[in-house]
Protein backbone atom coordinates (compact mmCIF):
# COMPACT_ATOMS: atom_id res chain seq x y z
CA MET A 1 -9.67 -3.93 -9.33
CA LEU A 2 -9.06 -0.63 -7.56
CA THR A 3 -12.01 -1.27 -5.25
CA TRP A 4 -10.64 -4.71 -4.45
CA MET A 5 -7.17 -3.22 -3.89
CA GLN A 6 -8.58 -0.81 -1.31
CA ASP A 7 -10.04 -3.63 0.76
CA ALA A 8 -7.41 -6.29 0.20
CA VAL A 9 -4.24 -4.25 0.40
CA VAL A 10 -4.67 -0.77 1.82
CA ARG A 11 -6.94 -1.51 4.76
CA PRO A 12 -4.68 -4.18 6.36
CA VAL A 13 -1.68 -1.85 6.38
CA ALA A 14 -3.53 1.27 7.51
CA GLY A 15 -2.00 2.57 10.71
CA MET A 16 1.34 0.81 10.29
CA THR A 17 4.34 2.83 11.37
CA LYS A 18 7.30 3.63 9.12
CA GLN A 19 9.23 1.06 11.12
CA ASP A 20 6.56 -1.57 10.35
CA LEU A 21 6.57 -0.72 6.64
CA ASP A 22 10.38 -0.77 6.42
CA TYR A 23 10.97 -4.00 8.39
CA LEU A 24 13.04 -6.61 6.54
CA PHE A 25 12.59 -10.20 7.68
CA ASP A 26 16.04 -11.11 6.34
CA ALA A 27 18.69 -9.84 3.91
CA ASN A 28 16.79 -11.16 0.88
CA ALA A 29 13.32 -10.00 1.88
CA ASN A 30 11.33 -7.07 0.61
CA SER A 31 9.61 -4.85 3.13
CA ILE A 32 5.84 -4.43 3.24
CA GLY A 33 6.40 -0.86 2.11
CA ALA A 34 8.47 -1.96 -0.89
CA LEU A 35 5.72 -4.41 -1.87
CA LEU A 36 3.15 -1.60 -1.66
CA LEU A 37 5.37 0.56 -3.85
CA HIS A 38 5.68 -2.37 -6.26
CA LEU A 39 1.89 -2.36 -6.66
CA ALA A 40 1.94 1.39 -7.26
CA ALA A 41 4.71 1.05 -9.84
CA THR A 42 2.85 -1.74 -11.61
CA GLU A 43 -0.30 0.38 -11.73
CA THR A 44 1.65 3.39 -13.03
CA TYR A 45 3.26 1.42 -15.85
CA TYR A 46 0.03 -0.40 -16.68
CA GLN A 47 -1.82 2.89 -17.04
CA MET A 48 0.90 4.38 -19.24
CA ASN A 49 0.81 1.30 -21.45
CA THR A 50 -2.97 0.94 -21.58
CA PHE A 51 -4.25 4.49 -21.58
CA GLN A 52 -1.37 6.39 -23.16
CA GLY A 53 -0.41 3.65 -25.63
CA MET A 54 3.24 3.66 -24.57
CA LYS A 55 5.25 0.55 -25.37
CA TRP A 56 6.32 -1.33 -22.27
CA ASP A 57 9.61 0.04 -20.89
CA SER A 58 9.55 3.13 -23.12
CA TRP A 59 8.80 5.43 -20.18
CA PRO A 60 10.70 8.70 -19.76
CA ASN A 61 13.87 8.44 -17.68
CA ALA A 62 12.34 10.49 -14.86
CA VAL A 63 9.53 7.93 -14.56
CA LYS A 64 12.00 5.03 -14.63
CA GLN A 65 14.14 6.63 -11.93
CA LYS A 66 11.10 7.05 -9.70
CA TRP A 67 9.40 3.68 -10.22
CA ASP A 68 11.95 1.09 -11.46
CA PRO A 69 13.42 0.30 -8.01
CA ALA A 70 9.93 -0.50 -6.72
CA MET A 71 8.96 -2.33 -9.91
CA ASN A 72 12.02 -4.56 -9.89
CA LEU A 73 12.43 -4.88 -6.09
CA GLY A 74 15.43 -6.97 -5.00
CA ASP A 75 18.45 -4.93 -3.92
CA ALA A 76 17.09 -1.76 -5.52
CA GLY A 77 13.79 -2.17 -3.66
CA ARG A 78 15.55 -2.65 -0.34
CA LYS A 79 17.43 0.62 -0.85
CA LEU A 80 14.36 2.78 -1.42
CA SER A 81 14.55 6.07 0.46
CA LYS A 82 12.06 5.19 3.14
CA ALA A 83 12.21 8.46 5.06
CA THR A 84 11.19 10.52 2.06
CA ILE A 85 8.80 8.09 0.36
CA TRP A 86 6.24 7.26 3.04
CA PRO A 87 4.90 10.77 3.64
CA THR A 88 4.03 10.99 -0.08
CA ILE A 89 2.00 7.78 -0.33
């Protein structure tokens, strides 16, 4: 799946600007960047559940604070700190 993800997801967005990644089509939309973070959050939680044997949603609070807005999207996803997130991805 990770090989597929590289081709299907990462390559098409390579070279996009922060403005491109943060663009919201309308007030209810999620940005491309938020959707990418959603995939990263899903992968993080999946690995914790699968490889560390953690029950779903039993993550430490620090992990929840970092990944829940991206996992749940909606209003929380639209408020992600774009200026500080993109350089770390």
